[in-house]
Amino acid sequence: MRSISKALLACWRYMGDVLGERDYEKYVAYLQHKHPCADIPTEREYWRMRWADQEMNPKGRCC
């Protein structure tokens, strides 16, 4: 039973990483490490910046 729950948890984490669930946390950690004096945007501001960047610079997507 434990191995099944571990496998499900690993799958859940993997899907979260694929979908970008922890991207904001990673971005904040990056800013704190590389640019400690920079203002940290709110999560809403981060996603708006990211979506705007994707619209301006489309990469590999179907549409």
N, C-alpha and C. Protein backbone atom coordinates (compact mmCIF):
# COMPACT_ATOMS: atom_id res chain seq x y z
N MET A 1 0.83 -1.20 0.00
CA MET A 1 0.00 0.00 0.00
C MET A 1 0.87 1.26 0.00
N ARG A 2 1.97 1.23 0.75
CA ARG A 2 2.84 2.40 0.81
C ARG A 2 3.48 2.69 -0.54
N SER A 3 3.87 1.65 -1.24
CA SER A 3 4.51 1.85 -2.54
C SER A 3 3.54 2.47 -3.54
N ILE A 4 2.26 2.11 -3.44
CA ILE A 4 1.26 2.70 -4.33
C ILE A 4 1.09 4.17 -4.01
N SER A 5 1.00 4.51 -2.74
CA SER A 5 0.82 5.92 -2.38
C SER A 5 2.06 6.74 -2.74
N LYS A 6 3.26 6.14 -2.61
CA LYS A 6 4.48 6.84 -3.01
C LYS A 6 4.49 7.08 -4.52
N ALA A 7 4.06 6.07 -5.26
CA ALA A 7 4.01 6.21 -6.72
C ALA A 7 3.00 7.27 -7.13
N LEU A 8 1.85 7.30 -6.49
CA LEU A 8 0.84 8.32 -6.80
C LEU A 8 1.35 9.72 -6.45
N LEU A 9 2.02 9.85 -5.32
CA LEU A 9 2.57 11.13 -4.92
C LEU A 9 3.64 11.60 -5.91
N ALA A 10 4.50 10.69 -6.33
CA ALA A 10 5.53 11.03 -7.31
C ALA A 10 4.90 11.46 -8.64
N CYS A 11 3.86 10.76 -9.04
CA CYS A 11 3.15 11.12 -10.28
C CYS A 11 2.51 12.50 -10.15
N TRP A 12 1.90 12.76 -9.02
CA TRP A 12 1.26 14.05 -8.76
C TRP A 12 2.28 15.18 -8.80
N ARG A 13 3.43 14.98 -8.18
CA ARG A 13 4.49 15.99 -8.19
C ARG A 13 5.03 16.21 -9.60
N TYR A 14 5.21 15.12 -10.33
CA TYR A 14 5.70 15.23 -11.70
C TYR A 14 4.73 16.04 -12.56
N MET A 15 3.45 15.74 -12.46
CA MET A 15 2.44 16.48 -13.24
C MET A 15 2.41 17.94 -12.82
N GLY A 16 2.59 18.22 -11.55
CA GLY A 16 2.65 19.60 -11.09
C GLY A 16 3.83 20.33 -11.68
N ASP A 17 4.97 19.66 -11.78
CA ASP A 17 6.15 20.27 -12.39
C ASP A 17 5.95 20.50 -13.88
N VAL A 18 5.33 19.55 -14.55
CA VAL A 18 5.08 19.69 -15.98
C VAL A 18 4.13 20.87 -16.24
N LEU A 19 3.15 21.02 -15.40
CA LEU A 19 2.16 22.08 -15.59
C LEU A 19 2.61 23.43 -15.02
N GLY A 20 3.75 23.47 -14.34
CA GLY A 20 4.28 24.73 -13.84
C GLY A 20 3.77 25.15 -12.48
N GLU A 21 3.31 24.19 -11.70
CA GLU A 21 2.72 24.49 -10.40
C GLU A 21 3.69 25.19 -9.45
N ARG A 22 4.97 24.83 -9.51
CA ARG A 22 5.96 25.39 -8.59
C ARG A 22 6.87 26.44 -9.24
N ASP A 23 6.51 26.91 -10.43
CA ASP A 23 7.36 27.85 -11.15
C ASP A 23 7.56 29.16 -10.39
N TYR A 24 6.50 29.64 -9.76
CA TYR A 24 6.63 30.90 -9.01
C TYR A 24 7.61 30.73 -7.85
N GLU A 25 7.51 29.64 -7.13
CA GLU A 25 8.42 29.38 -6.00
C GLU A 25 9.87 29.31 -6.48
N LYS A 26 10.08 28.65 -7.61
CA LYS A 26 11.43 28.56 -8.18
C LYS A 26 11.94 29.94 -8.60
N TYR A 27 11.06 30.75 -9.18
CA TYR A 27 11.44 32.09 -9.61
C TYR A 27 11.82 32.97 -8.42
N VAL A 28 11.06 32.89 -7.35
CA VAL A 28 11.37 33.66 -6.14
C VAL A 28 12.71 33.23 -5.56
N ALA A 29 12.96 31.93 -5.51
CA ALA A 29 14.25 31.43 -5.01
C ALA A 29 15.39 31.91 -5.89
N TYR A 30 15.18 31.92 -7.20
CA TYR A 30 16.20 32.42 -8.13
C TYR A 30 16.48 33.89 -7.87
N LEU A 31 15.42 34.70 -7.74
CA LEU A 31 15.61 36.13 -7.50
C LEU A 31 16.35 36.37 -6.19
N GLN A 32 15.99 35.65 -5.16
CA GLN A 32 16.63 35.84 -3.86
C GLN A 32 18.11 35.46 -3.91
N HIS A 33 18.44 34.47 -4.72
CA HIS A 33 19.83 34.00 -4.80
C HIS A 33 20.67 34.88 -5.73
N LYS A 34 20.16 35.17 -6.93
CA LYS A 34 20.93 35.88 -7.94
C LYS A 34 20.77 37.39 -7.89
N HIS A 35 19.62 37.87 -7.46
CA HIS A 35 19.33 39.31 -7.44
C HIS A 35 18.69 39.68 -6.10
N PRO A 36 19.45 39.66 -5.02
CA PRO A 36 18.84 39.87 -3.69
C PRO A 36 18.21 41.25 -3.49
N CYS A 37 18.60 42.23 -4.27
CA CYS A 37 18.04 43.58 -4.10
C CYS A 37 16.81 43.81 -4.98
N ALA A 38 16.49 42.88 -5.85
CA ALA A 38 15.35 43.04 -6.76
C ALA A 38 14.03 42.90 -6.02
N ASP A 39 13.05 43.64 -6.49
CA ASP A 39 11.70 43.50 -5.93
C ASP A 39 11.12 42.17 -6.38
N ILE A 40 10.47 41.49 -5.47
CA ILE A 40 9.85 40.20 -5.79
C ILE A 40 8.39 40.46 -6.13
N PRO A 41 7.98 40.08 -7.35
CA PRO A 41 6.59 40.31 -7.72
C PRO A 41 5.65 39.37 -6.97
N THR A 42 4.41 39.76 -6.90
CA THR A 42 3.42 38.87 -6.33
C THR A 42 3.21 37.70 -7.29
N GLU A 43 2.54 36.67 -6.83
CA GLU A 43 2.32 35.53 -7.71
C GLU A 43 1.47 35.93 -8.91
N ARG A 44 0.51 36.78 -8.70
CA ARG A 44 -0.34 37.26 -9.80
C ARG A 44 0.48 38.04 -10.82
N GLU A 45 1.36 38.92 -10.34
CA GLU A 45 2.22 39.68 -11.24
C GLU A 45 3.15 38.76 -12.03
N TYR A 46 3.68 37.74 -11.34
CA TYR A 46 4.57 36.79 -12.01
C TYR A 46 3.86 36.10 -13.17
N TRP A 47 2.65 35.60 -12.92
CA TRP A 47 1.95 34.87 -13.99
C TRP A 47 1.56 35.80 -15.12
N ARG A 48 1.21 37.04 -14.81
CA ARG A 48 0.89 37.99 -15.88
C ARG A 48 2.12 38.28 -16.73
N MET A 49 3.28 38.45 -16.09
CA MET A 49 4.53 38.66 -16.83
C MET A 49 4.84 37.44 -17.70
N ARG A 50 4.68 36.27 -17.14
CA ARG A 50 5.01 35.05 -17.87
C ARG A 50 4.09 34.85 -19.07
N TRP A 51 2.78 35.07 -18.88
CA TRP A 51 1.84 34.92 -19.99
C TRP A 51 2.09 35.96 -21.07
N ALA A 52 2.40 37.20 -20.65
CA ALA A 52 2.69 38.25 -21.62
C ALA A 52 3.94 37.89 -22.42
N ASP A 53 4.95 37.35 -21.76
CA ASP A 53 6.17 36.94 -22.44
C ASP A 53 5.89 35.82 -23.43
N GLN A 54 5.04 34.88 -23.06
CA GLN A 54 4.71 33.78 -23.96
C GLN A 54 3.94 34.28 -25.18
N GLU A 55 3.11 35.29 -25.00
CA GLU A 55 2.37 35.85 -26.13
C GLU A 55 3.30 36.61 -27.07
N MET A 56 4.26 37.33 -26.50
CA MET A 56 5.19 38.12 -27.32
C MET A 56 6.26 37.26 -27.99
N ASN A 57 6.63 36.15 -27.36
CA ASN A 57 7.69 35.29 -27.86
C ASN A 57 7.24 33.84 -27.90
N PRO A 58 6.34 33.50 -28.83
CA PRO A 58 5.86 32.12 -28.87
C PRO A 58 6.99 31.16 -29.23
N LYS A 59 7.01 30.06 -28.57
CA LYS A 59 8.03 29.05 -28.82
C LYS A 59 7.36 27.82 -29.41
N GLY A 60 7.65 26.66 -28.96
CA GLY A 60 7.07 25.45 -29.51
C GLY A 60 5.68 25.18 -28.97
N ARG A 61 4.67 25.67 -29.66
CA ARG A 61 3.30 25.34 -29.28
C ARG A 61 2.47 25.12 -30.53
N CYS A 62 1.36 24.50 -30.40
CA CYS A 62 0.61 24.08 -31.57
C CYS A 62 -0.16 25.22 -32.25
N CYS A 63 -0.55 26.24 -31.51
CA CYS A 63 -1.41 27.28 -32.10
C CYS A 63 -0.76 28.65 -32.06
